[in-house]
Amino acid sequence: MNLVELKKARSMLVLLLATCEQTLLALEAAGNELDTDLRADLSAMIKRSEAELARLKVKIETASA
C-alpha cells in the first residue's frame, strides 16, 4: 500500500472504531440484557480495530520517512 492508501484505510478504520464505540455506549446505557452478544461483538471489533490502527500508524510512519 502507498501512503495515500494507508491514510485512507486509517480514516475508514477510525470511522468504524468511533461507530462501534458509540453503539456500545448506547447499548450499555440502555441496559438491555438481550444485547449481550452484540455488546461482546462490538467490544471485540473495538479491540481489533485499535490493534489495526496501531499497525497502520507504524506503516504510515515508515512510508512517510
PDB file of N, CA and C in Angstrom:
ATOM      1  N   MET A   1       0.840  -1.187   0.000  1.00  0.00           N
ATOM      2  CA  MET A   1       0.000   0.000   0.000  1.00  0.00           C
ATOM      3  C   MET A   1       0.883   1.247   0.000  1.00  0.00           C
ATOM      4  N   ASN A   2       0.463   2.241  -0.758  1.00  0.00           N
ATOM      5  CA  ASN A   2       1.190   3.500  -0.719  1.00  0.00           C
ATOM      6  C   ASN A   2       0.643   4.373   0.405  1.00  0.00           C
ATOM      7  N   LEU A   3       1.256   5.518   0.632  1.00  0.00           N
ATOM      8  CA  LEU A   3       0.907   6.390   1.745  1.00  0.00           C
ATOM      9  C   LEU A   3      -0.550   6.857   1.672  1.00  0.00           C
ATOM     10  N   VAL A   4      -1.015   7.194   0.500  1.00  0.00           N
ATOM     11  CA  VAL A   4      -2.401   7.654   0.338  1.00  0.00           C
ATOM     12  C   VAL A   4      -3.377   6.536   0.718  1.00  0.00           C
ATOM     13  N   GLU A   5      -3.108   5.334   0.265  1.00  0.00           N
ATOM     14  CA  GLU A   5      -3.978   4.197   0.593  1.00  0.00           C
ATOM     15  C   GLU A   5      -3.951   3.895   2.087  1.00  0.00           C
ATOM     16  N   LEU A   6      -2.779   3.993   2.698  1.00  0.00           N
ATOM     17  CA  LEU A   6      -2.659   3.750   4.133  1.00  0.00           C
ATOM     18  C   LEU A   6      -3.470   4.773   4.933  1.00  0.00           C
ATOM     19  N   LYS A   7      -3.380   6.037   4.525  1.00  0.00           N
ATOM     20  CA  LYS A   7      -4.134   7.082   5.229  1.00  0.00           C
ATOM     21  C   LYS A   7      -5.631   6.917   5.020  1.00  0.00           C
ATOM     22  N   LYS A   8      -6.030   6.498   3.842  1.00  0.00           N
ATOM     23  CA  LYS A   8      -7.438   6.246   3.576  1.00  0.00           C
ATOM     24  C   LYS A   8      -7.943   5.081   4.437  1.00  0.00           C
ATOM     25  N   ALA A   9      -7.146   4.035   4.532  1.00  0.00           N
ATOM     26  CA  ALA A   9      -7.511   2.892   5.367  1.00  0.00           C
ATOM     27  C   ALA A   9      -7.611   3.313   6.831  1.00  0.00           C
ATOM     28  N   ARG A  10      -6.687   4.151   7.272  1.00  0.00           N
ATOM     29  CA  ARG A  10      -6.727   4.644   8.646  1.00  0.00           C
ATOM     30  C   ARG A  10      -7.998   5.446   8.904  1.00  0.00           C
ATOM     31  N   SER A  11      -8.369   6.292   7.970  1.00  0.00           N
ATOM     32  CA  SER A  11      -9.586   7.101   8.117  1.00  0.00           C
ATOM     33  C   SER A  11     -10.829   6.232   8.221  1.00  0.00           C
ATOM     34  N   MET A  12     -10.910   5.230   7.382  1.00  0.00           N
ATOM     35  CA  MET A  12     -12.062   4.326   7.425  1.00  0.00           C
ATOM     36  C   MET A  12     -12.098   3.556   8.731  1.00  0.00           C
ATOM     37  N   LEU A  13     -10.947   3.156   9.208  1.00  0.00           N
ATOM     38  CA  LEU A  13     -10.867   2.410  10.460  1.00  0.00           C
ATOM     39  C   LEU A  13     -11.255   3.291  11.648  1.00  0.00           C
ATOM     40  N   VAL A  14     -10.874   4.556  11.609  1.00  0.00           N
ATOM     41  CA  VAL A  14     -11.254   5.493  12.670  1.00  0.00           C
ATOM     42  C   VAL A  14     -12.774   5.652  12.703  1.00  0.00           C
ATOM     43  N   LEU A  15     -13.383   5.750  11.536  1.00  0.00           N
ATOM     44  CA  LEU A  15     -14.851   5.844  11.472  1.00  0.00           C
ATOM     45  C   LEU A  15     -15.512   4.586  12.032  1.00  0.00           C
ATOM     46  N   LEU A  16     -15.005   3.433  11.659  1.00  0.00           N
ATOM     47  CA  LEU A  16     -15.542   2.176  12.165  1.00  0.00           C
ATOM     48  C   LEU A  16     -15.403   2.103  13.683  1.00  0.00           C
ATOM     49  N   LEU A  17     -14.238   2.451  14.183  1.00  0.00           N
ATOM     50  CA  LEU A  17     -13.979   2.406  15.610  1.00  0.00           C
ATOM     51  C   LEU A  17     -14.917   3.344  16.366  1.00  0.00           C
ATOM     52  N   ALA A  18     -15.068   4.559  15.888  1.00  0.00           N
ATOM     53  CA  ALA A  18     -15.958   5.525  16.541  1.00  0.00           C
ATOM     54  C   ALA A  18     -17.404   5.039  16.533  1.00  0.00           C
ATOM     55  N   THR A  19     -17.832   4.466  15.436  1.00  0.00           N
ATOM     56  CA  THR A  19     -19.195   3.944  15.338  1.00  0.00           C
ATOM     57  C   THR A  19     -19.416   2.809  16.327  1.00  0.00           C
ATOM     58  N   CYS A  20     -18.467   1.898  16.396  1.00  0.00           N
ATOM     59  CA  CYS A  20     -18.574   0.778  17.339  1.00  0.00           C
ATOM     60  C   CYS A  20     -18.597   1.269  18.781  1.00  0.00           C
ATOM     61  N   GLU A  21     -17.735   2.221  19.089  1.00  0.00           N
ATOM     62  CA  GLU A  21     -17.670   2.732  20.455  1.00  0.00           C
ATOM     63  C   GLU A  21     -18.972   3.425  20.853  1.00  0.00           C
ATOM     64  N   GLN A  22     -19.514   4.233  19.959  1.00  0.00           N
ATOM     65  CA  GLN A  22     -20.756   4.944  20.269  1.00  0.00           C
ATOM     66  C   GLN A  22     -21.936   3.983  20.376  1.00  0.00           C
ATOM     67  N   THR A  23     -21.970   2.985  19.529  1.00  0.00           N
ATOM     68  CA  THR A  23     -23.036   1.979  19.599  1.00  0.00           C
ATOM     69  C   THR A  23     -22.950   1.208  20.906  1.00  0.00           C
ATOM     70  N   LEU A  24     -21.738   0.848  21.295  1.00  0.00           N
ATOM     71  CA  LEU A  24     -21.542   0.135  22.554  1.00  0.00           C
ATOM     72  C   LEU A  24     -21.995   0.988  23.735  1.00  0.00           C
ATOM     73  N   LEU A  25     -21.648   2.262  23.722  1.00  0.00           N
ATOM     74  CA  LEU A  25     -22.082   3.160  24.792  1.00  0.00           C
ATOM     75  C   LEU A  25     -23.608   3.235  24.867  1.00  0.00           C
ATOM     76  N   ALA A  26     -24.262   3.327  23.719  1.00  0.00           N
ATOM     77  CA  ALA A  26     -25.718   3.392  23.695  1.00  0.00           C
ATOM     78  C   ALA A  26     -26.349   2.107  24.224  1.00  0.00           C
ATOM     79  N   LEU A  27     -25.786   0.966  23.849  1.00  0.00           N
ATOM     80  CA  LEU A  27     -26.315  -0.305  24.332  1.00  0.00           C
ATOM     81  C   LEU A  27     -26.125  -0.456  25.830  1.00  0.00           C
ATOM     82  N   GLU A  28     -24.980  -0.034  26.321  1.00  0.00           N
ATOM     83  CA  GLU A  28     -24.722  -0.126  27.757  1.00  0.00           C
ATOM     84  C   GLU A  28     -25.655   0.801  28.534  1.00  0.00           C
ATOM     85  N   ALA A  29     -25.904   1.982  27.985  1.00  0.00           N
ATOM     86  CA  ALA A  29     -26.793   2.935  28.649  1.00  0.00           C
ATOM     87  C   ALA A  29     -28.233   2.419  28.693  1.00  0.00           C
ATOM     88  N   ALA A  30     -28.626   1.697  27.637  1.00  0.00           N
ATOM     89  CA  ALA A  30     -29.983   1.161  27.583  1.00  0.00           C
ATOM     90  C   ALA A  30     -30.162   0.009  28.565  1.00  0.00           C
ATOM     91  N   GLY A  31     -29.094  -0.681  28.882  1.00  0.00           N
ATOM     92  CA  GLY A  31     -29.141  -1.773  29.840  1.00  0.00           C
ATOM     93  C   GLY A  31     -29.992  -2.952  29.412  1.00  0.00           C
ATOM     94  N   ASN A  32     -30.146  -3.151  28.128  1.00  0.00           N
ATOM     95  CA  ASN A  32     -30.953  -4.257  27.623  1.00  0.00           C
ATOM     96  C   ASN A  32     -30.126  -5.539  27.671  1.00  0.00           C
ATOM     97  N   GLU A  33     -30.567  -6.476  28.459  1.00  0.00           N
ATOM     98  CA  GLU A  33     -29.836  -7.738  28.622  1.00  0.00           C
ATOM     99  C   GLU A  33     -29.832  -8.592  27.349  1.00  0.00           C
ATOM    100  N   LEU A  34     -30.743  -8.339  26.437  1.00  0.00           N
ATOM    101  CA  LEU A  34     -30.811  -9.125  25.204  1.00  0.00           C
ATOM    102  C   LEU A  34     -29.678  -8.788  24.242  1.00  0.00           C
ATOM    103  N   ASP A  35     -29.002  -7.683  24.487  1.00  0.00           N
ATOM    104  CA  ASP A  35     -27.939  -7.241  23.592  1.00  0.00           C
ATOM    105  C   ASP A  35     -26.547  -7.694  24.027  1.00  0.00           C
ATOM    106  N   THR A  36     -26.448  -8.697  24.874  1.00  0.00           N
ATOM    107  CA  THR A  36     -25.130  -9.109  25.372  1.00  0.00           C
ATOM    108  C   THR A  36     -24.228  -9.624  24.258  1.00  0.00           C
ATOM    109  N   ASP A  37     -24.785 -10.370  23.309  1.00  0.00           N
ATOM    110  CA  ASP A  37     -23.978 -10.859  22.185  1.00  0.00           C
ATOM    111  C   ASP A  37     -23.462  -9.712  21.336  1.00  0.00           C
ATOM    112  N   LEU A  38     -24.316  -8.752  21.063  1.00  0.00           N
ATOM    113  CA  LEU A  38     -23.915  -7.605  20.255  1.00  0.00           C
ATOM    114  C   LEU A  38     -22.854  -6.790  20.989  1.00  0.00           C
ATOM    115  N   ARG A  39     -23.009  -6.610  22.278  1.00  0.00           N
ATOM    116  CA  ARG A  39     -22.002  -5.872  23.046  1.00  0.00           C
ATOM    117  C   ARG A  39     -20.665  -6.601  23.011  1.00  0.00           C
ATOM    118  N   ALA A  40     -20.691  -7.910  23.110  1.00  0.00           N
ATOM    119  CA  ALA A  40     -19.445  -8.687  23.044  1.00  0.00           C
ATOM    120  C   ALA A  40     -18.798  -8.560  21.671  1.00  0.00           C
ATOM    121  N   ASP A  41     -19.620  -8.621  20.637  1.00  0.00           N
ATOM    122  CA  ASP A  41     -19.097  -8.475  19.272  1.00  0.00           C
ATOM    123  C   ASP A  41     -18.493  -7.087  19.054  1.00  0.00           C
ATOM    124  N   LEU A  42     -19.182  -6.063  19.544  1.00  0.00           N
ATOM    125  CA  LEU A  42     -18.667  -4.699  19.400  1.00  0.00           C
ATOM    126  C   LEU A  42     -17.361  -4.523  20.174  1.00  0.00           C
ATOM    127  N   SER A  43     -17.286  -5.083  21.362  1.00  0.00           N
ATOM    128  CA  SER A  43     -16.049  -4.990  22.147  1.00  0.00           C
ATOM    129  C   SER A  43     -14.884  -5.654  21.418  1.00  0.00           C
ATOM    130  N   ALA A  44     -15.138  -6.797  20.822  1.00  0.00           N
ATOM    131  CA  ALA A  44     -14.101  -7.494  20.054  1.00  0.00           C
ATOM    132  C   ALA A  44     -13.682  -6.677  18.833  1.00  0.00           C
ATOM    133  N   MET A  45     -14.653  -6.070  18.165  1.00  0.00           N
ATOM    134  CA  MET A  45     -14.357  -5.243  16.983  1.00  0.00           C
ATOM    135  C   MET A  45     -13.527  -4.029  17.384  1.00  0.00           C
ATOM    136  N   ILE A  46     -13.831  -3.447  18.527  1.00  0.00           N
ATOM    137  CA  ILE A  46     -13.071  -2.292  19.010  1.00  0.00           C
ATOM    138  C   ILE A  46     -11.625  -2.692  19.277  1.00  0.00           C
ATOM    139  N   LYS A  47     -11.420  -3.806  19.946  1.00  0.00           N
ATOM    140  CA  LYS A  47     -10.048  -4.271  20.225  1.00  0.00           C
ATOM    141  C   LYS A  47      -9.267  -4.530  18.944  1.00  0.00           C
ATOM    142  N   ARG A  48      -9.919  -5.215  17.985  1.00  0.00           N
ATOM    143  CA  ARG A  48      -9.246  -5.496  16.705  1.00  0.00           C
ATOM    144  C   ARG A  48      -8.937  -4.203  15.953  1.00  0.00           C
ATOM    145  N   SER A  49      -9.864  -3.270  15.972  1.00  0.00           N
ATOM    146  CA  SER A  49      -9.668  -2.003  15.260  1.00  0.00           C
ATOM    147  C   SER A  49      -8.546  -1.195  15.887  1.00  0.00           C
ATOM    148  N   GLU A  50      -8.466  -1.168  17.214  1.00  0.00           N
ATOM    149  CA  GLU A  50      -7.379  -0.456  17.885  1.00  0.00           C
ATOM    150  C   GLU A  50      -6.026  -1.081  17.540  1.00  0.00           C
ATOM    151  N   ALA A  51      -5.979  -2.390  17.485  1.00  0.00           N
ATOM    152  CA  ALA A  51      -4.732  -3.070  17.127  1.00  0.00           C
ATOM    153  C   ALA A  51      -4.342  -2.764  15.684  1.00  0.00           C
ATOM    154  N   GLU A  52      -5.310  -2.766  14.807  1.00  0.00           N
ATOM    155  CA  GLU A  52      -5.035  -2.461  13.400  1.00  0.00           C
ATOM    156  C   GLU A  52      -4.604  -1.008  13.240  1.00  0.00           C
ATOM    157  N   LEU A  53      -5.202  -0.096  13.986  1.00  0.00           N
ATOM    158  CA  LEU A  53      -4.778   1.306  13.940  1.00  0.00           C
ATOM    159  C   LEU A  53      -3.317   1.452  14.354  1.00  0.00           C
ATOM    160  N   ALA A  54      -2.918   0.713  15.356  1.00  0.00           N
ATOM    161  CA  ALA A  54      -1.520   0.760  15.794  1.00  0.00           C
ATOM    162  C   ALA A  54      -0.591   0.263  14.687  1.00  0.00           C
ATOM    163  N   ARG A  55      -0.993  -0.797  14.004  1.00  0.00           N
ATOM    164  CA  ARG A  55      -0.177  -1.310  12.893  1.00  0.00           C
ATOM    165  C   ARG A  55      -0.121  -0.306  11.741  1.00  0.00           C
ATOM    166  N   LEU A  56      -1.266   0.313  11.456  1.00  0.00           N
ATOM    167  CA  LEU A  56      -1.299   1.297  10.373  1.00  0.00           C
ATOM    168  C   LEU A  56      -0.444   2.508  10.708  1.00  0.00           C
ATOM    169  N   LYS A  57      -0.420   2.905  11.968  1.00  0.00           N
ATOM    170  CA  LYS A  57       0.407   4.047  12.378  1.00  0.00           C
ATOM    171  C   LYS A  57       1.874   3.779  12.051  1.00  0.00           C
ATOM    172  N   VAL A  58       2.327   2.581  12.361  1.00  0.00           N
ATOM    173  CA  VAL A  58       3.717   2.212  12.074  1.00  0.00           C
ATOM    174  C   VAL A  58       3.970   2.223  10.564  1.00  0.00           C
ATOM    175  N   LYS A  59       3.030   1.656   9.802  1.00  0.00           N
ATOM    176  CA  LYS A  59       3.194   1.615   8.347  1.00  0.00           C
ATOM    177  C   LYS A  59       3.220   3.028   7.760  1.00  0.00           C
ATOM    178  N   ILE A  60       2.351   3.912   8.270  1.00  0.00           N
ATOM    179  CA  ILE A  60       2.318   5.296   7.768  1.00  0.00           C
ATOM    180  C   ILE A  60       3.610   6.018   8.115  1.00  0.00           C
ATOM    181  N   GLU A  61       4.093   5.828   9.333  1.00  0.00           N
ATOM    182  CA  GLU A  61       5.356   6.466   9.732  1.00  0.00           C
ATOM    183  C   GLU A  61       6.513   5.964   8.870  1.00  0.00           C
ATOM    184  N   THR A  62       6.515   4.678   8.581  1.00  0.00           N
ATOM    185  CA  THR A  62       7.560   4.100   7.746  1.00  0.00           C
ATOM    186  C   THR A  62       7.483   4.642   6.317  1.00  0.00           C
ATOM    187  N   ALA A  63       6.269   4.720   5.774  1.00  0.00           N
ATOM    188  CA  ALA A  63       6.082   5.203   4.416  1.00  0.00           C
ATOM    189  C   ALA A  63       6.377   6.690   4.297  1.00  0.00           C
ATOM    190  N   SER A  64       6.216   7.436   5.400  1.00  0.00           N
ATOM    191  CA  SER A  64       6.455   8.885   5.379  1.00  0.00           C
ATOM    192  C   SER A  64       7.939   9.222   5.516  1.00  0.00           C
ATOM    193  N   ALA A  65       8.711   8.269   5.989  1.00  0.00           N
ATOM    194  CA  ALA A  65      10.142   8.539   6.244  1.00  0.00           C
ATOM    195  C   ALA A  65      10.940   8.614   4.974  1.00  0.00           C
TER     196      ALA A  65
END
